[in-house]
Protein backbone atom coordinates (compact mmCIF):
# COMPACT_ATOMS: atom_id res chain seq x y z
CA UNK A 1 0.00 0.00 0.00
CA UNK A 2 2.82 2.43 0.87
CA UNK A 3 4.43 1.71 -2.51
CA UNK A 4 1.17 2.48 -4.33
CA UNK A 5 0.76 5.74 -2.41
CA UNK A 6 4.35 6.70 -3.23
CA UNK A 7 3.81 5.90 -6.90
CA UNK A 8 0.59 7.93 -6.98
CA UNK A 9 2.28 10.87 -5.28
CA UNK A 10 5.10 10.79 -7.84
CA UNK A 11 2.69 10.76 -10.78
CA UNK A 12 0.70 13.64 -9.29
CA UNK A 13 3.87 15.66 -8.62
CA UNK A 14 5.10 15.23 -12.19
CA UNK A 15 1.74 16.09 -13.74
CA UNK A 16 1.04 19.15 -11.56
CA UNK A 17 4.56 20.42 -10.83
CA UNK A 18 3.49 21.10 -7.22
CA UNK A 19 6.51 21.59 -4.96
CA UNK A 20 4.66 20.24 -1.91
CA UNK A 21 3.99 16.97 -3.73
CA UNK A 22 7.67 16.73 -4.70
CA UNK A 23 8.59 17.26 -1.04
CA UNK A 24 6.22 14.49 0.06
CA UNK A 25 7.59 12.21 -2.67
CA UNK A 26 11.14 12.83 -1.44
CA UNK A 27 10.18 11.99 2.14
CA UNK A 28 8.47 8.76 1.04
CA UNK A 29 11.44 7.67 -1.05
CA UNK A 30 13.73 8.50 1.87
CA UNK A 31 11.70 6.24 4.16
CA UNK A 32 11.96 3.38 1.65
CA UNK A 33 15.74 3.78 1.34
CA UNK A 34 16.24 4.11 5.10
CA UNK A 35 14.05 1.05 5.73
CA UNK A 36 16.09 -1.06 3.32
CA UNK A 37 19.47 0.07 4.68
CA UNK A 38 18.60 -0.33 8.37
CA UNK A 39 16.87 -3.72 7.97
CA UNK A 40 19.76 -5.04 5.85
CA UNK A 41 22.25 -3.92 8.47
CA UNK A 42 20.23 -5.49 11.28
CA UNK A 43 19.97 -8.89 9.54
CA UNK A 44 23.65 -8.95 8.54
CA UNK A 45 24.65 -8.50 12.18
CA UNK A 46 22.78 -11.60 13.40
CA UNK A 47 24.49 -14.92 14.21
CA UNK A 48 22.22 -17.96 14.51
CA UNK A 49 22.83 -21.37 16.05
CA UNK A 50 20.35 -24.24 15.98
CA UNK A 51 20.11 -27.15 18.42
CA UNK A 52 18.25 -30.31 17.37
CA UNK A 53 17.38 -33.33 19.52
CA UNK A 54 19.35 -36.53 18.92
CA UNK A 55 16.28 -38.35 17.62
CA UNK A 56 12.63 -37.61 16.88
CA UNK A 57 9.53 -39.67 16.25
CA UNK A 58 7.26 -39.26 13.25
CA UNK A 59 4.07 -37.36 14.06
CA UNK A 60 5.28 -36.39 17.56
CA UNK A 61 6.20 -32.83 18.48
CA UNK A 62 9.72 -32.03 19.59
CA UNK A 63 11.53 -28.78 20.41
CA UNK A 64 14.04 -27.03 18.18
CA UNK A 65 16.16 -24.35 19.86
CA UNK A 66 17.60 -21.20 18.29
CA UNK A 67 20.30 -18.98 19.79
CA UNK A 68 20.46 -15.58 18.06
CA UNK A 69 23.26 -13.10 18.75
CA UNK A 70 23.13 -9.42 17.77
CA UNK A 71 26.70 -8.35 16.87
CA UNK A 72 25.82 -4.65 16.54
CA UNK A 73 27.41 -2.35 19.12
CA UNK A 74 24.77 0.37 19.25
CA UNK A 75 21.48 -0.62 17.59
CA UNK A 76 19.07 -3.33 18.74
CA UNK A 77 17.50 -5.80 16.34
CA UNK A 78 13.72 -5.54 16.44
CA UNK A 79 10.89 -7.78 15.24
CA UNK A 80 13.11 -10.64 14.04
CA UNK A 81 11.41 -13.81 12.78
CA UNK A 82 13.42 -17.05 12.49
CA UNK A 83 12.02 -19.91 10.40
CA UNK A 84 13.62 -23.28 9.61
CA UNK A 85 13.86 -24.68 6.09
CA UNK A 86 13.15 -28.42 6.31
CA UNK A 87 13.56 -30.64 3.24
CA UNK A 88 13.70 -27.57 1.00
CA UNK A 89 10.55 -25.82 2.26
CA UNK A 90 10.06 -23.20 5.01
CA UNK A 91 8.47 -24.77 8.08
CA UNK A 92 5.01 -23.56 9.04
CA UNK A 93 6.05 -22.53 12.57
CA UNK A 94 8.73 -20.03 13.51
CA UNK A 95 10.40 -18.25 16.39
CA UNK A 96 9.96 -14.51 16.97
CA UNK A 97 12.16 -12.04 18.85
CA UNK A 98 10.63 -8.67 19.66
CA UNK A 99 13.98 -7.15 20.63
CA UNK A 100 17.61 -8.28 20.73
CA UNK A 101 19.86 -5.73 22.40
CA UNK A 102 23.38 -4.96 21.08
CA UNK A 103 25.77 -7.80 21.96
CA UNK A 104 22.95 -9.88 23.45
CA UNK A 105 22.28 -13.57 22.76
CA UNK A 106 18.69 -14.70 23.08
CA UNK A 107 17.25 -18.21 22.98
CA UNK A 108 13.90 -19.48 21.81
CA UNK A 109 12.29 -22.89 21.25
CA UNK A 110 9.58 -23.70 18.75
CA UNK A 111 7.51 -26.91 18.43
CA UNK A 112 8.34 -28.96 15.35
CA UNK A 113 6.84 -32.17 14.02
CA UNK A 114 7.69 -34.29 10.97
CA UNK A 115 5.10 -36.60 9.48
CA UNK A 116 7.27 -39.28 7.87
CA UNK A 117 10.14 -41.42 9.18
CA UNK A 118 13.62 -41.11 7.69
CA UNK A 119 16.33 -38.47 7.65
CA UNK A 120 14.95 -34.93 7.79
CA UNK A 121 17.29 -32.31 6.32
CA UNK A 122 17.36 -28.92 8.03
CA UNK A 123 19.08 -27.12 5.17
CA UNK A 124 18.94 -23.52 6.33
CA UNK A 125 17.28 -20.76 8.33
CA UNK A 126 15.25 -17.88 6.96
CA UNK A 127 15.40 -14.68 9.01
CA UNK A 128 13.08 -11.77 8.35
CA UNK A 129 12.29 -8.38 9.87
CA UNK A 130 10.02 -5.38 9.27
CA UNK A 131 12.36 -3.10 11.20
CA UNK A 132 12.45 -0.10 11.39
CA UNK A 133 9.14 1.25 10.01
CA UNK A 134 7.12 -1.88 9.29
CA UNK A 135 6.74 -0.89 5.65
CA UNK A 136 8.53 -3.84 4.02
CA UNK A 137 9.73 -7.27 5.08
CA UNK A 138 13.42 -7.95 4.55
CA UNK A 139 14.49 -11.62 4.30
CA UNK A 140 17.79 -13.47 4.37
CA UNK A 141 18.39 -17.21 4.03
CA UNK A 142 21.36 -18.57 5.96
CA UNK A 143 22.98 -21.93 5.24
CA UNK A 144 22.78 -24.05 8.38
CA UNK A 145 22.79 -27.64 7.15
CA UNK A 146 21.93 -30.35 9.69
CA UNK A 147 20.03 -33.63 9.64
CA UNK A 148 17.74 -35.38 12.10
CA UNK A 149 16.87 -39.07 12.14
CA UNK A 150 13.11 -39.55 12.57
CA UNK A 151 11.93 -42.87 14.01
CA UNK A 152 8.71 -44.45 12.75
CA UNK A 153 5.63 -43.90 14.87
CA UNK A 154 4.80 -47.16 16.72
CA UNK A 155 1.51 -48.79 15.74
CA UNK A 156 0.43 -51.81 17.79
CA UNK A 157 -1.06 -54.70 15.78
CA UNK A 158 -4.89 -54.70 15.66
CA UNK A 159 -5.19 -58.22 17.04
CA UNK A 160 -3.02 -60.98 18.45
CA UNK A 161 -3.62 -64.59 17.32
CA UNK A 162 -2.09 -66.28 20.40
CA UNK A 163 -5.26 -66.30 22.49
CA UNK A 164 -6.70 -64.58 25.53
CA UNK A 165 -3.84 -65.68 27.81
CA UNK A 166 -1.47 -63.30 26.00
CA UNK A 167 -1.97 -59.84 27.45
CA UNK A 168 0.19 -58.07 24.88
CA UNK A 169 1.92 -58.87 21.63
CA UNK A 170 5.24 -58.56 23.40
CA UNK A 171 4.31 -61.11 26.07
CA UNK A 172 3.16 -63.60 23.46
CA UNK A 173 6.19 -63.05 21.25
CA UNK A 174 8.62 -63.53 24.12
CA UNK A 175 6.76 -66.62 25.35
CA UNK A 176 6.74 -68.13 21.86
CA UNK A 177 10.41 -67.34 21.22
CA UNK A 178 11.53 -68.78 24.57
CA UNK A 179 9.43 -71.94 24.37
CA UNK A 180 11.39 -75.23 24.49
CA UNK A 181 12.93 -75.36 21.03
CA UNK A 182 16.63 -74.91 21.76
CA UNK A 183 19.56 -77.29 21.88
CA UNK A 184 19.09 -79.33 25.08
CA UNK A 185 16.50 -82.08 25.37
CA UNK A 186 13.41 -81.06 27.32
CA UNK A 187 10.59 -83.58 26.72
CA UNK A 188 8.68 -85.63 24.15
CA UNK A 189 5.29 -84.42 22.97
CA UNK A 190 2.78 -84.95 20.17
CA UNK A 191 3.53 -83.44 16.79
CA UNK A 192 1.70 -80.16 16.06
CA UNK A 193 1.25 -78.40 12.70
CA UNK A 194 4.23 -76.15 12.13
CA UNK A 195 6.74 -78.26 14.06
CA UNK A 196 10.07 -78.90 12.35
CA UNK A 197 10.04 -82.50 10.95
CA UNK A 198 13.72 -82.80 11.85
CA UNK A 199 12.73 -83.04 15.52
CA UNK A 200 10.44 -86.07 15.06
CA UNK A 201 11.53 -88.91 17.37
CA UNK A 202 11.01 -91.91 15.12
CA UNK A 203 11.33 -94.76 17.68
CA UNK A 204 8.70 -93.18 19.95
CA UNK A 205 6.50 -92.36 16.95
CA UNK A 206 6.63 -96.03 15.85
CA UNK A 207 5.71 -97.29 19.33
CA UNK A 208 2.79 -94.85 19.76
CA UNK A 209 1.62 -95.05 16.13
CA UNK A 210 1.58 -91.26 15.86
CA UNK A 211 4.19 -88.54 15.26
CA UNK A 212 6.10 -87.55 18.38
CA UNK A 213 8.62 -84.71 18.45
CA UNK A 214 11.42 -83.73 20.80
CA UNK A 215 11.05 -80.45 22.67
CA UNK A 216 14.41 -78.78 23.17
CA UNK A 217 14.99 -76.30 25.95
CA UNK A 218 15.67 -72.69 25.02
CA UNK A 219 17.93 -70.18 26.74
CA UNK A 220 15.58 -67.73 28.54
CA UNK A 221 17.96 -64.92 27.62
CA UNK A 222 17.80 -65.68 23.90
CA UNK A 223 16.56 -62.80 21.72
CA UNK A 224 13.07 -62.56 20.30
CA UNK A 225 13.48 -62.66 16.53
CA UNK A 226 11.48 -60.24 14.35
CA UNK A 227 11.52 -60.81 10.59
CA UNK A 228 10.30 -57.70 8.74
CA UNK A 229 9.41 -57.44 5.07
CA UNK A 230 9.23 -53.68 4.44
CA UNK A 231 9.29 -53.74 0.65
CA UNK A 232 6.19 -55.41 -0.71
CA UNK A 233 2.54 -54.42 -0.95
CA UNK A 234 0.16 -57.32 -0.53
CA UNK A 235 -2.90 -56.90 -2.74
CA UNK A 236 -4.09 -60.51 -2.90
CA UNK A 237 -6.86 -61.82 -0.63
CA UNK A 238 -5.64 -63.25 2.65
CA UNK A 239 -4.73 -66.94 2.70
CA UNK A 240 -5.06 -67.93 6.35
CA UNK A 241 -3.94 -71.54 6.83
CA UNK A 242 -3.17 -71.23 10.51
CA UNK A 243 0.50 -71.80 9.72
CA UNK A 244 2.72 -68.73 9.56
CA UNK A 245 5.02 -70.50 7.10
CA UNK A 246 2.34 -70.57 4.39
CA UNK A 247 0.04 -67.78 5.56
CA UNK A 248 0.28 -64.83 3.14
CA UNK A 249 -0.70 -62.32 5.81
CA UNK A 250 -3.16 -59.45 5.64
CA UNK A 251 -4.34 -58.09 2.32
CA UNK A 252 -3.43 -54.57 1.22
CA UNK A 253 -0.44 -54.20 3.54
CA UNK A 254 1.47 -50.94 3.25
CA UNK A 255 5.20 -51.37 3.99
CA UNK A 256 5.12 -48.24 6.16
CA UNK A 257 2.40 -49.83 8.32
CA UNK A 258 4.56 -52.95 8.67
CA UNK A 259 7.49 -50.80 9.82
CA UNK A 260 5.30 -49.04 12.41
CA UNK A 261 4.07 -52.38 13.78
CA UNK A 262 7.68 -53.62 14.02
CA UNK A 263 8.64 -50.46 15.94
CA UNK A 264 5.82 -50.99 18.44
CA UNK A 265 6.74 -54.65 18.93
CA UNK A 266 10.44 -53.85 19.43
CA UNK A 267 9.70 -51.25 22.10
CA UNK A 268 7.26 -53.54 23.94
CA UNK A 269 9.63 -56.52 23.96
CA UNK A 270 12.63 -54.43 25.07
CA UNK A 271 10.52 -52.83 27.82
CA UNK A 272 9.91 -56.31 29.24
CA UNK A 273 13.64 -56.99 29.41
CA UNK A 274 14.06 -59.26 26.39
CA UNK A 275 16.70 -58.71 23.69
CA UNK A 276 15.52 -58.44 20.08
CA UNK A 277 17.04 -59.73 16.86
CA UNK A 278 15.76 -57.80 13.82
CA UNK A 279 16.04 -59.30 10.33
CA UNK A 280 15.26 -57.31 7.18
CA UNK A 281 16.19 -57.72 3.53
CA UNK A 282 19.48 -56.33 2.28
CA UNK A 283 21.07 -55.60 -1.13
CA UNK A 284 23.64 -58.41 -0.80
CA UNK A 285 22.68 -60.30 2.36
CA UNK A 286 19.90 -59.99 4.95
CA UNK A 287 20.46 -57.32 7.58
CA UNK A 288 20.59 -58.87 11.06
CA UNK A 289 20.91 -56.71 14.17
CA UNK A 290 20.60 -57.75 17.80
CA UNK A 291 20.22 -55.40 20.75
CA UNK A 292 18.87 -55.19 24.28
CA UNK A 293 17.89 -51.56 23.71
CA UNK A 294 15.45 -50.14 21.18
CA UNK A 295 17.36 -47.13 19.71
CA UNK A 296 19.80 -49.07 17.44
CA UNK A 297 16.94 -51.09 15.96
CA UNK A 298 14.67 -48.06 15.55
CA UNK A 299 17.55 -46.24 13.82
CA UNK A 300 17.66 -49.04 11.25
CA UNK A 301 13.88 -48.91 10.76
CA UNK A 302 14.09 -45.15 10.19
CA UNK A 303 16.70 -45.58 7.45
CA UNK A 304 14.96 -48.39 5.53
CA UNK A 305 14.50 -47.62 1.83
CA UNK A 306 11.44 -49.61 0.75
CA UNK A 307 12.11 -48.97 -2.95
CA UNK A 308 15.59 -50.49 -2.75
CA UNK A 309 14.42 -53.44 -0.65
CA UNK A 310 11.82 -54.32 -3.30
CA UNK A 311 14.66 -55.74 -5.45
CA UNK A 312 16.07 -57.87 -2.61
CA UNK A 313 15.19 -61.42 -1.63
CA UNK A 314 12.53 -61.68 1.12
CA UNK A 315 13.94 -62.04 4.65
CA UNK A 316 13.97 -65.49 6.27
CA UNK A 317 13.79 -66.47 9.94
CA UNK A 318 16.86 -68.15 11.43
CA UNK A 319 15.28 -69.77 14.49
CA UNK A 320 11.94 -71.16 15.69
CA UNK A 321 9.44 -68.85 17.35
CA UNK A 322 10.14 -65.85 15.11
CA UNK A 323 7.63 -63.04 14.62
CA UNK A 324 6.88 -62.46 10.93
CA UNK A 325 5.75 -58.99 9.80
CA UNK A 326 4.87 -58.26 6.17
CA UNK A 327 3.77 -60.51 3.30
CA UNK A 328 7.31 -61.48 2.25
CA UNK A 329 8.61 -62.53 5.69
CA UNK A 330 9.05 -66.30 5.74
CA UNK A 331 10.13 -69.11 8.06
CA UNK A 332 10.69 -72.84 7.55
CA UNK A 333 10.14 -73.39 11.28
CA UNK A 334 7.42 -72.65 13.78
CA UNK A 335 6.67 -68.94 13.69
CA UNK A 336 3.92 -66.41 14.38
CA UNK A 337 2.70 -63.89 11.85
CA UNK A 338 1.99 -60.49 13.35
CA UNK A 339 -1.10 -58.87 11.80
CA UNK A 340 -0.69 -55.48 10.15
CA UNK A 341 -3.68 -53.12 9.92
CA UNK A 342 -4.81 -52.38 6.35
CA UNK A 343 -4.64 -48.78 5.12
CA UNK A 344 -7.56 -46.66 6.21
CA UNK A 345 -10.05 -46.16 3.40
CA UNK A 346 -10.86 -42.55 2.65
CA UNK A 347 -14.52 -41.67 3.20
CA UNK A 348 -16.49 -41.37 0.01
CA UNK A 349 -17.55 -37.89 -0.97
CA UNK A 350 -21.31 -37.37 -0.85
CA UNK A 351 -22.97 -37.16 -4.23
CA UNK A 352 -24.16 -33.66 -5.15
CA UNK A 353 -27.83 -33.09 -4.61
CA UNK A 354 -29.89 -32.93 -7.75
CA UNK A 355 -31.64 -29.69 -8.47
CA UNK A 356 -35.42 -29.93 -8.10
């Protein structure tokens, strides 16, 4: 608006030759020049430092801190707005300083949230001010390149197929993984679907006229194995055979949903004191990581590239009692498939009402 008024005053002064209009035009142009010079000087004298958290979680707010120092010796910096540039775009929230005195360093936090997992790139900071007259906004973009690893948001599975005795997925997974299927003899029992045929005890089976298998004791400190297929969409109808080795899993699985379910299961199992072994596909060989704490495993989930994994062989369990997540996760031994919720269908738009 001020620019339009200045332009109109200039046109009127030229057309009429009125000295008063020329005086007003000179004052207006002087304000514009002074505004540009003072705001430029104020922004050039600002030093900015950013502090990010070590990790963040997708969809959860976290604080980003700015420390802004005014290097001017005499003039304060007024009405300074600081806005992060995340993944190439200015973030919707910003920090605002009403006044920064000469030589002063001020701190401010603003709430930030990132919707998707992965590595978020904080490429720069945009500073702006309307100092000194509020007529124009002056902006500078400073290069302040940092990155933040964003964990997937945990999403518990919608149901658990182990029965009512299992209070949580983590309890059932740990119980299943630590059941007697280790290296030391535990007992003989009847064969059940999904048992490894290698453990059939043939002399006892011949005497009893039915298959009998050997139960082998398992180290209670052994890790719970999670086999995650985070590369494939399942669009076929569900084939539920009751056996995780041949069950194709839930229809319409989104790999991102499978990753979120794996994150929830990892945190639950670790919270109960059990170590976790995570197996995912890899370009040359399957990725296998084992940890008693969740952060190293969640870091790997955050960095998974589902497009690259689509060209890799599906991951395979290495021990009985594994938890299978995703349509491509497979096991030749007894295992449990963890259900993954299907993508939420968008509500249909109502049909427009017909005119009478």
